[in-house]
Amino acid sequence: MSTTLLLARHGQTVWHAENRYAGVSDVALTDTGRAQAEALGRWAAAHPVDAIWTSPVSRAVATADPACRALALTPHREPDLRECDFGVVEGRTLDEFAAEDPAAAAAFRADPVAHPFPGAEDPAAAAARGAAALHRIAAAHDGGRVLVVAHNTLLRLVLCRLLSIPLAEYRRVFPQLRNAAVSELRMSEGATALLSLNVPCGQVT
């Protein structure tokens, strides 16, 4: 049997509104982000799921909360769905980093996996842990529908790994997962299919 995973990036935060990297930092949702979470909750009420899993980071937990309330589900926390650690650029923009270290920024833009930010988590390791988490979730809900709320960079890396796309292409192939939009994966033993990407839930944009 196959499991349907409905992947959603958390709602907008202050740092994302300013295009700042938010990885390990605990950054709260903006008013827009909370409205996006409520829209995701209304979508879940109209498209019920069997379970809800989230990153343990508060912005993901808060985004999933309206859906949990709408469906009377207790969310599961998965530590391996946390966002990547962005090292020295945490809380900063790529342009700010480029002004300080143009060569490192250019190398990152050319191949963000071979040349991650100084002090950052290895992107290949992040892709591996995230993909393993989705496989565990799919196995735990064989044949079901599961909402998974996590993070932009992690999910893009995981999509590349699961779909056999070179990891170095994640920023080009998946420029952005929109806040609280839904992407549908169908996972079965040894195979993953992407059925939709960035489908809006009627959220504030």
Protein backbone atom coordinates (compact mmCIF):
# COMPACT_ATOMS: atom_id res chain seq x y z
CA MET A 1 0.00 0.00 0.00
CA SER A 2 1.04 3.62 -0.42
CA THR A 3 0.90 6.45 2.08
CA THR A 4 0.00 10.01 1.14
CA LEU A 5 2.15 12.64 2.83
CA LEU A 6 0.92 16.23 2.64
CA LEU A 7 3.96 18.41 3.25
CA ALA A 8 3.53 21.98 4.46
CA ARG A 9 6.11 24.60 5.31
CA HIS A 10 5.31 26.51 8.48
CA GLY A 11 3.73 29.99 8.34
CA GLN A 12 5.62 33.20 7.83
CA THR A 13 7.92 34.46 10.59
CA VAL A 14 9.49 37.88 11.14
CA TRP A 15 12.80 36.65 9.78
CA HIS A 16 11.26 35.14 6.67
CA ALA A 17 9.39 38.37 5.99
CA GLU A 18 12.86 39.98 5.91
CA ASN A 19 14.38 37.07 3.94
CA ARG A 20 16.63 36.09 6.86
CA TYR A 21 17.79 32.52 7.38
CA ALA A 22 15.96 30.86 10.28
CA GLY A 23 17.28 27.43 11.10
CA VAL A 24 17.87 26.48 14.73
CA SER A 25 16.53 29.78 16.09
CA ASP A 26 13.07 29.81 17.65
CA VAL A 27 11.36 32.57 15.65
CA ALA A 28 7.68 33.33 16.18
CA LEU A 29 5.02 33.53 13.47
CA THR A 30 3.89 36.94 12.23
CA ASP A 31 0.20 37.89 12.06
CA THR A 32 0.35 36.74 8.44
CA GLY A 33 1.91 33.47 9.54
CA ARG A 34 -0.86 32.87 12.06
CA ALA A 35 -3.47 33.59 9.37
CA GLN A 36 -1.72 31.08 7.10
CA ALA A 37 -1.84 28.49 9.91
CA GLU A 38 -5.57 29.07 10.35
CA ALA A 39 -6.07 28.64 6.60
CA LEU A 40 -4.17 25.36 6.73
CA GLY A 41 -6.46 24.30 9.56
CA ARG A 42 -9.55 25.05 7.46
CA TRP A 43 -8.02 23.11 4.57
CA ALA A 44 -7.40 20.12 6.87
CA ALA A 45 -10.99 20.24 8.09
CA ALA A 46 -12.14 19.94 4.47
CA HIS A 47 -9.47 17.36 3.52
CA PRO A 48 -9.09 15.21 6.66
CA VAL A 49 -5.91 13.34 7.48
CA ASP A 50 -5.26 10.38 9.76
CA ALA A 51 -2.32 11.92 11.60
CA ILE A 52 -0.29 15.11 11.91
CA TRP A 53 3.47 15.18 12.37
CA THR A 54 5.58 18.28 12.93
CA SER A 55 9.09 19.48 13.45
CA PRO A 56 9.64 20.19 17.16
CA VAL A 57 10.42 23.85 16.39
CA SER A 58 7.69 26.17 17.70
CA ARG A 59 6.89 27.84 14.37
CA ALA A 60 6.03 24.44 12.88
CA VAL A 61 4.08 23.35 15.97
CA ALA A 62 2.07 26.61 15.91
CA THR A 63 1.33 26.21 12.21
CA ALA A 64 -0.02 22.69 12.74
CA ASP A 65 -2.12 23.60 15.78
CA PRO A 66 -5.29 24.80 13.94
CA ALA A 67 -5.34 21.59 11.89
CA CYS A 68 -4.90 19.52 15.06
CA ARG A 69 -7.81 21.35 16.68
CA ALA A 70 -10.00 21.05 13.60
CA LEU A 71 -9.50 17.28 13.42
CA ALA A 72 -9.15 16.60 17.17
CA LEU A 73 -5.72 15.04 16.57
CA THR A 74 -2.73 15.08 18.89
CA PRO A 75 0.36 15.99 16.85
CA HIS A 76 3.42 13.77 16.75
CA ARG A 77 6.83 15.48 17.07
CA GLU A 78 9.74 14.28 14.93
CA PRO A 79 13.14 15.79 15.83
CA ASP A 80 14.59 14.87 12.43
CA LEU A 81 12.10 17.22 10.74
CA ARG A 82 13.83 20.26 12.28
CA GLU A 83 15.26 22.88 9.94
CA CYS A 84 18.90 22.84 8.88
CA ASP A 85 21.43 24.72 10.96
CA PHE A 86 22.64 27.58 8.75
CA GLY A 87 25.81 28.33 10.69
CA VAL A 88 27.16 31.86 10.36
CA VAL A 89 24.19 33.11 8.31
CA GLU A 90 21.60 32.29 10.98
CA GLY A 91 19.46 35.42 11.35
CA ARG A 92 21.14 37.09 8.38
CA THR A 93 20.37 37.50 4.69
CA LEU A 94 22.42 36.03 1.88
CA ASP A 95 23.19 39.55 0.67
CA GLU A 96 24.59 40.47 4.10
CA PHE A 97 26.80 37.39 4.02
CA ALA A 98 27.92 38.17 0.45
CA ALA A 99 29.00 41.65 1.49
CA GLU A 100 31.21 40.10 4.17
CA ASP A 101 32.52 37.09 2.22
CA PRO A 102 31.73 37.36 -1.51
CA ALA A 103 33.77 34.28 -2.46
CA ALA A 104 31.97 32.00 0.01
CA ALA A 105 28.59 33.40 -1.03
CA ALA A 106 29.40 32.82 -4.72
CA ALA A 107 30.48 29.24 -3.97
CA PHE A 108 27.24 28.62 -2.09
CA ARG A 109 25.16 29.98 -4.96
CA ALA A 110 27.03 27.75 -7.42
CA ASP A 111 26.69 24.57 -5.31
CA PRO A 112 25.00 24.94 -1.92
CA VAL A 113 25.68 21.30 -1.00
CA ALA A 114 29.40 21.19 -1.79
CA HIS A 115 29.87 24.67 -0.32
CA PRO A 116 27.46 25.18 2.61
CA PHE A 117 27.77 28.20 4.87
CA PRO A 118 30.60 28.10 7.41
CA GLY A 119 29.47 26.27 10.52
CA ALA A 120 26.30 24.98 8.83
CA GLU A 121 24.92 21.47 8.98
CA ASP A 122 26.01 19.23 6.11
CA PRO A 123 23.10 19.48 3.63
CA ALA A 124 23.51 15.84 2.57
CA ALA A 125 23.20 14.75 6.20
CA ALA A 126 20.10 16.92 6.63
CA ALA A 127 18.55 15.38 3.50
CA ALA A 128 19.27 11.89 4.82
CA ARG A 129 17.75 12.49 8.25
CA GLY A 130 14.68 14.20 6.80
CA ALA A 131 14.09 11.48 4.22
CA ALA A 132 14.47 8.78 6.86
CA ALA A 133 11.90 10.60 9.02
CA LEU A 134 9.37 10.66 6.16
CA HIS A 135 9.94 6.96 5.49
CA ARG A 136 9.27 6.20 9.17
CA ILE A 137 6.13 8.31 9.16
CA ALA A 138 4.86 6.66 5.97
CA ALA A 139 5.51 3.20 7.41
CA ALA A 140 3.65 4.10 10.62
CA HIS A 141 0.55 5.12 8.63
CA ASP A 142 0.57 2.64 5.75
CA GLY A 143 -2.28 3.43 3.39
CA GLY A 144 -3.21 6.62 5.24
CA ARG A 145 -3.03 10.37 4.76
CA VAL A 146 -0.63 12.35 6.92
CA LEU A 147 -0.02 16.09 7.24
CA VAL A 148 3.65 16.90 7.86
CA VAL A 149 4.60 20.45 8.88
CA ALA A 150 8.29 21.28 8.61
CA HIS A 151 10.70 23.73 6.97
CA ASN A 152 11.66 25.19 3.61
CA THR A 153 15.28 24.12 3.13
CA LEU A 154 14.92 20.74 4.81
CA LEU A 155 11.88 19.79 2.75
CA ARG A 156 13.48 20.91 -0.52
CA LEU A 157 16.56 18.79 0.22
CA VAL A 158 14.36 15.84 1.16
CA LEU A 159 12.30 16.16 -2.02
CA CYS A 160 15.48 16.02 -4.08
CA ARG A 161 16.72 12.95 -2.23
CA LEU A 162 13.42 11.08 -2.50
CA LEU A 163 12.91 11.98 -6.17
CA SER A 164 16.51 11.21 -7.24
CA ILE A 165 17.28 14.85 -8.08
CA PRO A 166 20.89 15.92 -7.42
CA LEU A 167 20.94 17.65 -4.03
CA ALA A 168 23.02 20.51 -5.42
CA GLU A 169 20.01 21.49 -7.54
CA TYR A 170 17.57 22.00 -4.65
CA ARG A 171 17.57 25.81 -4.83
CA ARG A 172 17.04 25.78 -8.60
CA VAL A 173 14.49 22.97 -8.91
CA PHE A 174 12.52 24.04 -5.82
CA PRO A 175 13.12 27.80 -5.49
CA GLN A 176 10.69 28.07 -2.59
CA LEU A 177 8.06 26.13 -0.69
CA ARG A 178 5.40 28.70 0.06
CA ASN A 179 4.32 29.22 3.64
CA ALA A 180 1.50 26.81 4.62
CA ALA A 181 0.98 25.62 1.03
CA VAL A 182 0.63 21.86 0.56
CA SER A 183 2.76 19.53 -1.55
CA GLU A 184 1.52 15.95 -1.96
CA LEU A 185 3.81 12.94 -1.96
CA ARG A 186 2.78 9.33 -2.45
CA MET A 187 5.22 6.93 -0.82
CA SER A 188 5.33 3.16 -1.16
CA GLU A 189 8.12 0.70 -0.56
CA GLY A 190 11.03 1.77 -2.72
CA ALA A 191 9.16 4.50 -4.61
CA THR A 192 8.12 8.12 -4.10
CA ALA A 193 5.95 10.22 -6.43
CA LEU A 194 5.35 13.98 -6.25
CA LEU A 195 1.70 14.59 -7.11
CA SER A 196 1.46 18.34 -6.46
CA LEU A 197 3.65 21.21 -5.31
CA ASN A 198 2.86 24.45 -3.46
CA VAL A 199 -0.93 24.14 -3.66
CA PRO A 200 -2.38 27.15 -1.77
CA CYS A 201 -4.91 26.70 1.00
CA GLY A 202 -6.54 30.09 0.50
CA GLN A 203 -4.06 31.61 2.90
CA VAL A 204 -2.96 35.22 3.12
CA THR A 205 0.00 35.77 0.78
